[in-house]
């Protein structure tokens, strides 16, 4: 049963990764924060561009990916990796302002605090694993980073399941109704999320309460001409899948004017809880080396 789910998931992940890359390149921002960066090749990709890239993730991930990338992009000081705790604002700022990391010194200086430079922050595959209080912590930190450094925060974590399900409908067309029902139930069980950002009726209200504005940008607008995960499909099926992405969005968020988060300040989660939830994330949404 899971084998039938995998093609749809792979398509969704590649489309998200590729569209975010294109949005970053066309945004005009010279710095991007990839949180969590996972094991993808985004750092390698951006080493060929005039972009300052910060890959941020758990220590275990950074210990694995950073040496491998540095071996491939020798001498490129614009690409760096940092172990962080997304629920700890100090951890995030230290990564951006030059805190030492294993094997090198961070290279951000005071000029990078110029709001005109700005940050383009991407979040892929993290928010679905947060409780409501943890989610609020992360949203407050992202807003604070944008106020201090300028820029935008993009994610489509809350639309991933919608896209996955619509792609599965295309791929499963013609299948027995019983099989389709089984797959629908299995998908619902795999992607149950307990926070307001993943409630279609609550998501925009929640974003506003957190002091952010949102612009929804169809993933379709930033899709590349070719997706590797569609190569074996007929032209008709490829087009049907691409049409799905007209109704699946990247959420582009910026601080709202005069808005402040309308939530109580909570104690940040413990290191044990952070490692537990993100370890679970890596099992459910494993990082993939996408080119």
C-alpha atoms as a PDB file:
ATOM      1  CA  UNK A   1       0.000   0.000   0.000  1.00  0.00           C
ATOM      2  CA  UNK A   2       2.780   2.450   0.892  1.00  0.00           C
ATOM      3  CA  UNK A   3       4.357   1.795  -2.517  1.00  0.00           C
ATOM      4  CA  UNK A   4       1.267   3.304  -4.133  1.00  0.00           C
ATOM      5  CA  UNK A   5       1.659   6.421  -2.002  1.00  0.00           C
ATOM      6  CA  UNK A   6       5.350   6.947  -2.754  1.00  0.00           C
ATOM      7  CA  UNK A   7       5.113   8.299  -6.360  1.00  0.00           C
ATOM      8  CA  UNK A   8       2.696  11.034  -5.337  1.00  0.00           C
ATOM      9  CA  UNK A   9       4.839  11.991  -2.364  1.00  0.00           C
ATOM     10  CA  UNK A  10       8.022  12.071  -4.468  1.00  0.00           C
ATOM     11  CA  UNK A  11       6.373  14.335  -7.045  1.00  0.00           C
ATOM     12  CA  UNK A  12       5.175  16.711  -4.340  1.00  0.00           C
ATOM     13  CA  UNK A  13       8.587  16.887  -2.647  1.00  0.00           C
ATOM     14  CA  UNK A  14      10.476  17.513  -5.905  1.00  0.00           C
ATOM     15  CA  UNK A  15       7.982  20.168  -7.002  1.00  0.00           C
ATOM     16  CA  UNK A  16       8.203  21.948  -3.641  1.00  0.00           C
ATOM     17  CA  UNK A  17      12.001  21.874  -3.617  1.00  0.00           C
ATOM     18  CA  UNK A  18      12.356  23.036  -7.229  1.00  0.00           C
ATOM     19  CA  UNK A  19       9.731  25.783  -6.968  1.00  0.00           C
ATOM     20  CA  UNK A  20      11.292  27.148  -3.767  1.00  0.00           C
ATOM     21  CA  UNK A  21      14.715  27.221  -5.448  1.00  0.00           C
ATOM     22  CA  UNK A  22      13.367  29.217  -8.354  1.00  0.00           C
ATOM     23  CA  UNK A  23      11.492  31.609  -6.079  1.00  0.00           C
ATOM     24  CA  UNK A  24      14.691  32.210  -4.079  1.00  0.00           C
ATOM     25  CA  UNK A  25      16.707  32.892  -7.233  1.00  0.00           C
ATOM     26  CA  UNK A  26      14.097  35.278  -8.642  1.00  0.00           C
ATOM     27  CA  UNK A  27      13.332  37.026  -5.348  1.00  0.00           C
ATOM     28  CA  UNK A  28      16.304  39.378  -5.513  1.00  0.00           C
ATOM     29  CA  UNK A  29      17.396  38.553  -1.954  1.00  0.00           C
ATOM     30  CA  UNK A  30      21.097  37.854  -1.580  1.00  0.00           C
ATOM     31  CA  UNK A  31      20.742  35.688   1.531  1.00  0.00           C
ATOM     32  CA  UNK A  32      18.633  32.597   2.162  1.00  0.00           C
ATOM     33  CA  UNK A  33      18.045  30.622   5.340  1.00  0.00           C
ATOM     34  CA  UNK A  34      17.138  26.958   4.810  1.00  0.00           C
ATOM     35  CA  UNK A  35      15.427  25.733   8.015  1.00  0.00           C
ATOM     36  CA  UNK A  36      15.555  22.763   8.213  1.00  0.00           C
ATOM     37  CA  UNK A  37      18.041  22.153   5.411  1.00  0.00           C
ATOM     38  CA  UNK A  38      18.049  18.342   5.717  1.00  0.00           C
ATOM     39  CA  UNK A  39      20.250  16.405   3.316  1.00  0.00           C
ATOM     40  CA  UNK A  40      19.275  18.216   0.121  1.00  0.00           C
ATOM     41  CA  UNK A  41      21.675  19.678  -2.427  1.00  0.00           C
ATOM     42  CA  UNK A  42      20.362  23.247  -2.120  1.00  0.00           C
ATOM     43  CA  UNK A  43      23.664  24.502  -0.703  1.00  0.00           C
ATOM     44  CA  UNK A  44      25.550  23.031  -3.673  1.00  0.00           C
ATOM     45  CA  UNK A  45      23.049  24.541  -6.096  1.00  0.00           C
ATOM     46  CA  UNK A  46      23.390  28.002  -4.595  1.00  0.00           C
ATOM     47  CA  UNK A  47      27.180  27.790  -4.456  1.00  0.00           C
ATOM     48  CA  UNK A  48      26.996  28.505  -8.204  1.00  0.00           C
ATOM     49  CA  UNK A  49      24.955  31.665  -7.589  1.00  0.00           C
ATOM     50  CA  UNK A  50      25.727  34.972  -5.907  1.00  0.00           C
ATOM     51  CA  UNK A  51      23.728  33.976  -2.815  1.00  0.00           C
ATOM     52  CA  UNK A  52      24.720  33.715   0.836  1.00  0.00           C
ATOM     53  CA  UNK A  53      23.225  30.416   2.013  1.00  0.00           C
ATOM     54  CA  UNK A  54      22.670  29.334   5.627  1.00  0.00           C
ATOM     55  CA  UNK A  55      21.720  25.683   6.054  1.00  0.00           C
ATOM     56  CA  UNK A  56      20.268  25.103   9.539  1.00  0.00           C
ATOM     57  CA  UNK A  57      19.251  21.835  11.164  1.00  0.00           C
ATOM     58  CA  UNK A  58      19.936  19.459  14.047  1.00  0.00           C
ATOM     59  CA  UNK A  59      23.578  18.798  14.982  1.00  0.00           C
ATOM     60  CA  UNK A  60      23.455  15.231  13.644  1.00  0.00           C
ATOM     61  CA  UNK A  61      22.270  16.464  10.250  1.00  0.00           C
ATOM     62  CA  UNK A  62      24.802  19.292  10.075  1.00  0.00           C
ATOM     63  CA  UNK A  63      27.646  16.968  11.109  1.00  0.00           C
ATOM     64  CA  UNK A  64      26.799  14.748   8.145  1.00  0.00           C
ATOM     65  CA  UNK A  65      25.938  17.227   5.406  1.00  0.00           C
ATOM     66  CA  UNK A  66      28.372  20.101   6.053  1.00  0.00           C
ATOM     67  CA  UNK A  67      31.641  18.179   5.454  1.00  0.00           C
ATOM     68  CA  UNK A  68      30.224  16.533   2.326  1.00  0.00           C
ATOM     69  CA  UNK A  69      29.149  19.859   0.813  1.00  0.00           C
ATOM     70  CA  UNK A  70      32.374  21.629   1.729  1.00  0.00           C
ATOM     71  CA  UNK A  71      34.323  18.903  -0.022  1.00  0.00           C
ATOM     72  CA  UNK A  72      32.407  19.670  -3.217  1.00  0.00           C
ATOM     73  CA  UNK A  73      32.474  23.478  -3.027  1.00  0.00           C
ATOM     74  CA  UNK A  74      35.982  24.081  -1.732  1.00  0.00           C
ATOM     75  CA  UNK A  75      36.757  27.686  -0.949  1.00  0.00           C
ATOM     76  CA  UNK A  76      33.175  28.992  -1.278  1.00  0.00           C
ATOM     77  CA  UNK A  77      32.626  31.017   1.887  1.00  0.00           C
ATOM     78  CA  UNK A  78      29.061  31.994   0.935  1.00  0.00           C
ATOM     79  CA  UNK A  79      27.726  28.559   1.893  1.00  0.00           C
ATOM     80  CA  UNK A  80      27.617  27.611   5.575  1.00  0.00           C
ATOM     81  CA  UNK A  81      25.824  25.124   7.824  1.00  0.00           C
ATOM     82  CA  UNK A  82      24.731  25.659  11.413  1.00  0.00           C
ATOM     83  CA  UNK A  83      23.291  23.468  14.160  1.00  0.00           C
ATOM     84  CA  UNK A  84      20.305  25.326  15.645  1.00  0.00           C
ATOM     85  CA  UNK A  85      17.202  24.988  17.778  1.00  0.00           C
ATOM     86  CA  UNK A  86      14.303  26.559  15.870  1.00  0.00           C
ATOM     87  CA  UNK A  87      12.476  27.284  19.141  1.00  0.00           C
ATOM     88  CA  UNK A  88      15.432  29.269  20.500  1.00  0.00           C
ATOM     89  CA  UNK A  89      15.792  32.744  18.962  1.00  0.00           C
ATOM     90  CA  UNK A  90      19.328  33.207  20.263  1.00  0.00           C
ATOM     91  CA  UNK A  91      20.364  30.016  18.489  1.00  0.00           C
ATOM     92  CA  UNK A  92      19.076  31.347  15.168  1.00  0.00           C
ATOM     93  CA  UNK A  93      20.638  34.795  15.520  1.00  0.00           C
ATOM     94  CA  UNK A  94      24.016  33.347  16.454  1.00  0.00           C
ATOM     95  CA  UNK A  95      24.006  31.328  13.242  1.00  0.00           C
ATOM     96  CA  UNK A  96      23.353  34.487  11.233  1.00  0.00           C
ATOM     97  CA  UNK A  97      25.719  36.868  12.993  1.00  0.00           C
ATOM     98  CA  UNK A  98      28.939  34.881  13.010  1.00  0.00           C
ATOM     99  CA  UNK A  99      28.885  32.468  15.932  1.00  0.00           C
ATOM    100  CA  UNK A 100      31.659  29.924  15.504  1.00  0.00           C
ATOM    101  CA  UNK A 101      30.683  26.547  14.102  1.00  0.00           C
ATOM    102  CA  UNK A 102      32.782  23.363  13.865  1.00  0.00           C
ATOM    103  CA  UNK A 103      35.710  23.803  11.500  1.00  0.00           C
ATOM    104  CA  UNK A 104      35.152  27.442  10.541  1.00  0.00           C
ATOM    105  CA  UNK A 105      34.115  30.905  11.645  1.00  0.00           C
ATOM    106  CA  UNK A 106      30.788  32.336  10.554  1.00  0.00           C
ATOM    107  CA  UNK A 107      31.148  35.092   7.988  1.00  0.00           C
ATOM    108  CA  UNK A 108      28.150  37.343   8.567  1.00  0.00           C
ATOM    109  CA  UNK A 109      29.106  40.842   9.779  1.00  0.00           C
ATOM    110  CA  UNK A 110      27.165  43.933  10.798  1.00  0.00           C
ATOM    111  CA  UNK A 111      26.489  45.036   7.210  1.00  0.00           C
ATOM    112  CA  UNK A 112      24.269  41.979   6.856  1.00  0.00           C
ATOM    113  CA  UNK A 113      21.840  43.481   9.361  1.00  0.00           C
ATOM    114  CA  UNK A 114      20.912  46.083   6.739  1.00  0.00           C
ATOM    115  CA  UNK A 115      17.132  45.573   6.186  1.00  0.00           C
ATOM    116  CA  UNK A 116      17.631  46.300   2.476  1.00  0.00           C
ATOM    117  CA  UNK A 117      19.607  43.074   2.199  1.00  0.00           C
ATOM    118  CA  UNK A 118      16.892  40.941   3.759  1.00  0.00           C
ATOM    119  CA  UNK A 119      16.559  37.212   4.336  1.00  0.00           C
ATOM    120  CA  UNK A 120      14.583  34.713   2.289  1.00  0.00           C
ATOM    121  CA  UNK A 121      13.732  32.009   4.845  1.00  0.00           C
ATOM    122  CA  UNK A 122      12.440  28.653   3.613  1.00  0.00           C
ATOM    123  CA  UNK A 123      10.828  26.011   5.818  1.00  0.00           C
ATOM    124  CA  UNK A 124      10.121  22.603   4.324  1.00  0.00           C
ATOM    125  CA  UNK A 125       9.066  19.576   6.337  1.00  0.00           C
ATOM    126  CA  UNK A 126       9.123  20.928   9.903  1.00  0.00           C
ATOM    127  CA  UNK A 127       5.899  22.672  10.877  1.00  0.00           C
ATOM    128  CA  UNK A 128       3.691  19.576  10.660  1.00  0.00           C
ATOM    129  CA  UNK A 129       5.558  18.055  13.591  1.00  0.00           C
ATOM    130  CA  UNK A 130       5.000  20.904  16.019  1.00  0.00           C
ATOM    131  CA  UNK A 131       2.373  21.216  18.728  1.00  0.00           C
ATOM    132  CA  UNK A 132       0.393  24.442  18.814  1.00  0.00           C
ATOM    133  CA  UNK A 133       2.617  26.031  21.474  1.00  0.00           C
ATOM    134  CA  UNK A 134       5.790  24.980  19.611  1.00  0.00           C
ATOM    135  CA  UNK A 135       4.366  26.353  16.367  1.00  0.00           C
ATOM    136  CA  UNK A 136       3.704  29.706  18.019  1.00  0.00           C
ATOM    137  CA  UNK A 137       7.308  29.802  19.236  1.00  0.00           C
ATOM    138  CA  UNK A 138       8.637  29.264  15.717  1.00  0.00           C
ATOM    139  CA  UNK A 139       6.250  31.798  14.149  1.00  0.00           C
ATOM    140  CA  UNK A 140       7.257  34.452  16.695  1.00  0.00           C
ATOM    141  CA  UNK A 141      10.938  33.800  15.998  1.00  0.00           C
ATOM    142  CA  UNK A 142      10.464  33.997  12.227  1.00  0.00           C
ATOM    143  CA  UNK A 143       8.608  37.299  12.576  1.00  0.00           C
ATOM    144  CA  UNK A 144      11.328  38.642  14.853  1.00  0.00           C
ATOM    145  CA  UNK A 145      14.052  37.636  12.382  1.00  0.00           C
ATOM    146  CA  UNK A 146      12.201  39.395   9.557  1.00  0.00           C
ATOM    147  CA  UNK A 147      11.783  42.547  11.633  1.00  0.00           C
ATOM    148  CA  UNK A 148      15.474  42.576  12.538  1.00  0.00           C
ATOM    149  CA  UNK A 149      17.002  41.548   9.207  1.00  0.00           C
ATOM    150  CA  UNK A 150      14.209  42.234   6.706  1.00  0.00           C
ATOM    151  CA  UNK A 151      12.930  39.749   4.146  1.00  0.00           C
ATOM    152  CA  UNK A 152      10.273  37.061   3.679  1.00  0.00           C
ATOM    153  CA  UNK A 153       9.447  33.608   5.038  1.00  0.00           C
ATOM    154  CA  UNK A 154       8.099  30.963   2.669  1.00  0.00           C
ATOM    155  CA  UNK A 155       6.619  27.557   3.378  1.00  0.00           C
ATOM    156  CA  UNK A 156       4.031  25.198   1.979  1.00  0.00           C
ATOM    157  CA  UNK A 157       4.137  22.664   4.796  1.00  0.00           C
ATOM    158  CA  UNK A 158       0.433  23.220   5.460  1.00  0.00           C
ATOM    159  CA  UNK A 159      -0.477  22.522   1.807  1.00  0.00           C
ATOM    160  CA  UNK A 160       1.715  19.460   1.344  1.00  0.00           C
ATOM    161  CA  UNK A 161      -1.040  16.958   2.156  1.00  0.00           C
ATOM    162  CA  UNK A 162      -3.556  18.753  -0.073  1.00  0.00           C
ATOM    163  CA  UNK A 163      -1.118  18.549  -2.974  1.00  0.00           C
ATOM    164  CA  UNK A 164      -0.230  14.940  -2.196  1.00  0.00           C
ATOM    165  CA  UNK A 165      -3.900  13.904  -2.160  1.00  0.00           C
ATOM    166  CA  UNK A 166      -4.733  15.688  -5.421  1.00  0.00           C
ATOM    167  CA  UNK A 167      -1.749  14.110  -7.161  1.00  0.00           C
ATOM    168  CA  UNK A 168      -2.831  10.695  -5.878  1.00  0.00           C
ATOM    169  CA  UNK A 169      -6.291  11.288  -7.361  1.00  0.00           C
ATOM    170  CA  UNK A 170      -4.651  11.821 -10.759  1.00  0.00           C
ATOM    171  CA  UNK A 171      -2.345   8.815 -10.418  1.00  0.00           C
ATOM    172  CA  UNK A 172      -5.096   6.518  -9.121  1.00  0.00           C
ATOM    173  CA  UNK A 173      -7.608   7.371 -11.835  1.00  0.00           C
ATOM    174  CA  UNK A 174      -9.067   4.120 -13.113  1.00  0.00           C
ATOM    175  CA  UNK A 175      -8.102   2.127 -10.012  1.00  0.00           C
ATOM    176  CA  UNK A 176     -10.650   0.036  -8.158  1.00  0.00           C
ATOM    177  CA  UNK A 177     -12.752   2.132  -5.751  1.00  0.00           C
ATOM    178  CA  UNK A 178     -11.880  -0.154  -2.835  1.00  0.00           C
ATOM    179  CA  UNK A 179      -8.161   0.378  -3.444  1.00  0.00           C
ATOM    180  CA  UNK A 180      -8.618   4.139  -3.708  1.00  0.00           C
ATOM    181  CA  UNK A 181     -10.557   4.136  -0.443  1.00  0.00           C
ATOM    182  CA  UNK A 182      -7.815   2.198   1.311  1.00  0.00           C
ATOM    183  CA  UNK A 183      -5.163   4.613   0.106  1.00  0.00           C
ATOM    184  CA  UNK A 184      -7.231   7.633   1.192  1.00  0.00           C
ATOM    185  CA  UNK A 185      -7.584   6.195   4.691  1.00  0.00           C
ATOM    186  CA  UNK A 186      -3.897   5.348   4.857  1.00  0.00           C
ATOM    187  CA  UNK A 187      -2.944   8.873   3.792  1.00  0.00           C
ATOM    188  CA  UNK A 188      -5.203  10.410   6.428  1.00  0.00           C
ATOM    189  CA  UNK A 189      -3.509   8.302   9.087  1.00  0.00           C
ATOM    190  CA  UNK A 190      -0.008   9.270   7.999  1.00  0.00           C
ATOM    191  CA  UNK A 191      -0.562  13.018   7.924  1.00  0.00           C
ATOM    192  CA  UNK A 192      -2.556  13.885  11.018  1.00  0.00           C
ATOM    193  CA  UNK A 193      -1.367  17.242  12.352  1.00  0.00           C
ATOM    194  CA  UNK A 194      -2.415  18.881  15.600  1.00  0.00           C
ATOM    195  CA  UNK A 195      -1.938  22.617  15.147  1.00  0.00           C
ATOM    196  CA  UNK A 196      -3.936  25.528  13.728  1.00  0.00           C
ATOM    197  CA  UNK A 197      -1.680  26.233  10.759  1.00  0.00           C
ATOM    198  CA  UNK A 198      -2.812  22.931   9.268  1.00  0.00           C
ATOM    199  CA  UNK A 199      -6.511  23.637   9.722  1.00  0.00           C
ATOM    200  CA  UNK A 200      -7.760  25.153   6.437  1.00  0.00           C
ATOM    201  CA  UNK A 201     -10.383  27.155   8.335  1.00  0.00           C
ATOM    202  CA  UNK A 202      -7.896  28.518  10.863  1.00  0.00           C
ATOM    203  CA  UNK A 203      -4.563  28.904   9.051  1.00  0.00           C
ATOM    204  CA  UNK A 204      -4.925  32.482   7.756  1.00  0.00           C
ATOM    205  CA  UNK A 205      -6.446  33.687  11.033  1.00  0.00           C
ATOM    206  CA  UNK A 206      -3.541  32.115  12.900  1.00  0.00           C
ATOM    207  CA  UNK A 207      -0.955  33.780  10.659  1.00  0.00           C
ATOM    208  CA  UNK A 208      -2.608  37.151  11.282  1.00  0.00           C
ATOM    209  CA  UNK A 209      -2.678  36.557  15.028  1.00  0.00           C
ATOM    210  CA  UNK A 210       1.064  35.908  14.874  1.00  0.00           C
ATOM    211  CA  UNK A 211       1.608  39.394  13.404  1.00  0.00           C
ATOM    212  CA  UNK A 212       2.274  38.242   9.835  1.00  0.00           C
ATOM    213  CA  UNK A 213       0.721  38.901   6.437  1.00  0.00           C
ATOM    214  CA  UNK A 214       0.519  36.156   3.857  1.00  0.00           C
ATOM    215  CA  UNK A 215       0.535  36.098   0.074  1.00  0.00           C
ATOM    216  CA  UNK A 216      -0.390  32.752  -1.493  1.00  0.00           C
ATOM    217  CA  UNK A 217       1.638  32.014  -4.604  1.00  0.00           C
ATOM    218  CA  UNK A 218       0.639  28.994  -6.743  1.00  0.00           C
ATOM    219  CA  UNK A 219       3.425  26.428  -6.881  1.00  0.00           C
ATOM    220  CA  UNK A 220       2.715  26.213 -10.609  1.00  0.00           C
ATOM    221  CA  UNK A 221       4.131  29.722 -11.129  1.00  0.00           C
ATOM    222  CA  UNK A 222       7.616  28.540 -10.144  1.00  0.00           C
ATOM    223  CA  UNK A 223       7.699  24.993 -11.495  1.00  0.00           C
ATOM    224  CA  UNK A 224      10.608  24.129 -13.801  1.00  0.00           C
ATOM    225  CA  UNK A 225       9.892  22.866 -17.294  1.00  0.00           C
ATOM    226  CA  UNK A 226      10.898  19.338 -16.312  1.00  0.00           C
ATOM    227  CA  UNK A 227      10.368  17.309 -13.138  1.00  0.00           C
ATOM    228  CA  UNK A 228      12.373  14.081 -12.901  1.00  0.00           C
ATOM    229  CA  UNK A 229       9.553  12.353 -11.023  1.00  0.00           C
ATOM    230  CA  UNK A 230       7.217  12.800 -14.025  1.00  0.00           C
ATOM    231  CA  UNK A 231       9.581  11.439 -16.683  1.00  0.00           C
ATOM    232  CA  UNK A 232       7.934   8.009 -16.983  1.00  0.00           C
ATOM    233  CA  UNK A 233       4.392   9.365 -17.348  1.00  0.00           C
ATOM    234  CA  UNK A 234       2.378   9.988 -20.477  1.00  0.00           C
ATOM    235  CA  UNK A 235       2.084  13.601 -21.641  1.00  0.00           C
ATOM    236  CA  UNK A 236      -1.581  13.591 -20.646  1.00  0.00           C
ATOM    237  CA  UNK A 237      -0.811  12.408 -17.116  1.00  0.00           C
ATOM    238  CA  UNK A 238       2.069  14.874 -16.774  1.00  0.00           C
ATOM    239  CA  UNK A 239      -0.202  17.767 -17.694  1.00  0.00           C
ATOM    240  CA  UNK A 240      -2.883  16.575 -15.272  1.00  0.00           C
ATOM    241  CA  UNK A 241      -0.332  16.484 -12.447  1.00  0.00           C
ATOM    242  CA  UNK A 242       1.026  19.937 -13.335  1.00  0.00           C
ATOM    243  CA  UNK A 243      -2.516  21.331 -13.237  1.00  0.00           C
ATOM    244  CA  UNK A 244      -2.710  20.246  -9.593  1.00  0.00           C
ATOM    245  CA  UNK A 245       0.019  22.754  -8.734  1.00  0.00           C
ATOM    246  CA  UNK A 246      -2.200  25.657  -9.797  1.00  0.00           C
ATOM    247  CA  UNK A 247      -4.249  24.961  -6.653  1.00  0.00           C
ATOM    248  CA  UNK A 248      -1.378  24.291  -4.233  1.00  0.00           C
ATOM    249  CA  UNK A 249       0.356  27.346  -2.794  1.00  0.00           C
ATOM    250  CA  UNK A 250       3.574  28.616  -1.347  1.00  0.00           C
ATOM    251  CA  UNK A 251       2.750  30.815   1.642  1.00  0.00           C
ATOM    252  CA  UNK A 252       4.943  33.933   1.486  1.00  0.00           C
ATOM    253  CA  UNK A 253       4.861  35.712   4.848  1.00  0.00           C
ATOM    254  CA  UNK A 254       6.053  39.156   5.972  1.00  0.00           C
ATOM    255  CA  UNK A 255       5.501  41.128   9.198  1.00  0.00           C
ATOM    256  CA  UNK A 256       2.196  42.977   9.239  1.00  0.00           C
ATOM    257  CA  UNK A 257       2.388  46.739   9.789  1.00  0.00           C
ATOM    258  CA  UNK A 258       1.587  47.563  13.378  1.00  0.00           C
ATOM    259  CA  UNK A 259       0.785  43.934  14.145  1.00  0.00           C
ATOM    260  CA  UNK A 260       2.213  42.042  17.096  1.00  0.00           C
ATOM    261  CA  UNK A 261       1.730  38.368  17.929  1.00  0.00           C
ATOM    262  CA  UNK A 262      -1.537  37.902  19.825  1.00  0.00           C
ATOM    263  CA  UNK A 263      -0.387  34.925  21.892  1.00  0.00           C
ATOM    264  CA  UNK A 264       1.108  34.474  25.360  1.00  0.00           C
ATOM    265  CA  UNK A 265       4.876  33.964  25.619  1.00  0.00           C
ATOM    266  CA  UNK A 266       5.620  30.350  26.446  1.00  0.00           C
ATOM    267  CA  UNK A 267       8.724  28.652  27.683  1.00  0.00           C
ATOM    268  CA  UNK A 268      10.717  27.184  24.786  1.00  0.00           C
ATOM    269  CA  UNK A 269      10.645  23.421  24.420  1.00  0.00           C
ATOM    270  CA  UNK A 270      13.374  21.328  25.942  1.00  0.00           C
ATOM    271  CA  UNK A 271      16.313  20.051  23.933  1.00  0.00           C
ATOM    272  CA  UNK A 272      15.023  16.518  24.526  1.00  0.00           C
ATOM    273  CA  UNK A 273      11.604  17.385  23.043  1.00  0.00           C
ATOM    274  CA  UNK A 274      13.201  19.217  20.082  1.00  0.00           C
ATOM    275  CA  UNK A 275      15.375  16.238  19.199  1.00  0.00           C
ATOM    276  CA  UNK A 276      12.440  13.865  19.635  1.00  0.00           C
ATOM    277  CA  UNK A 277      10.051  15.774  17.375  1.00  0.00           C
ATOM    278  CA  UNK A 278      12.595  16.507  14.650  1.00  0.00           C
ATOM    279  CA  UNK A 279      13.923  12.971  14.793  1.00  0.00           C
ATOM    280  CA  UNK A 280      10.349  11.848  14.195  1.00  0.00           C
ATOM    281  CA  UNK A 281      10.166  14.369  11.348  1.00  0.00           C
ATOM    282  CA  UNK A 282      13.175  12.792   9.637  1.00  0.00           C
ATOM    283  CA  UNK A 283      11.497   9.397   9.809  1.00  0.00           C
ATOM    284  CA  UNK A 284       8.174  10.610   8.391  1.00  0.00           C
ATOM    285  CA  UNK A 285       9.604  13.097   5.914  1.00  0.00           C
ATOM    286  CA  UNK A 286      13.170  11.926   5.243  1.00  0.00           C
ATOM    287  CA  UNK A 287      15.562  14.364   3.613  1.00  0.00           C
ATOM    288  CA  UNK A 288      16.388  13.463   0.036  1.00  0.00           C
ATOM    289  CA  UNK A 289      19.369  14.473  -2.088  1.00  0.00           C
ATOM    290  CA  UNK A 290      17.535  16.377  -4.797  1.00  0.00           C
ATOM    291  CA  UNK A 291      19.406  17.914  -7.717  1.00  0.00           C
END
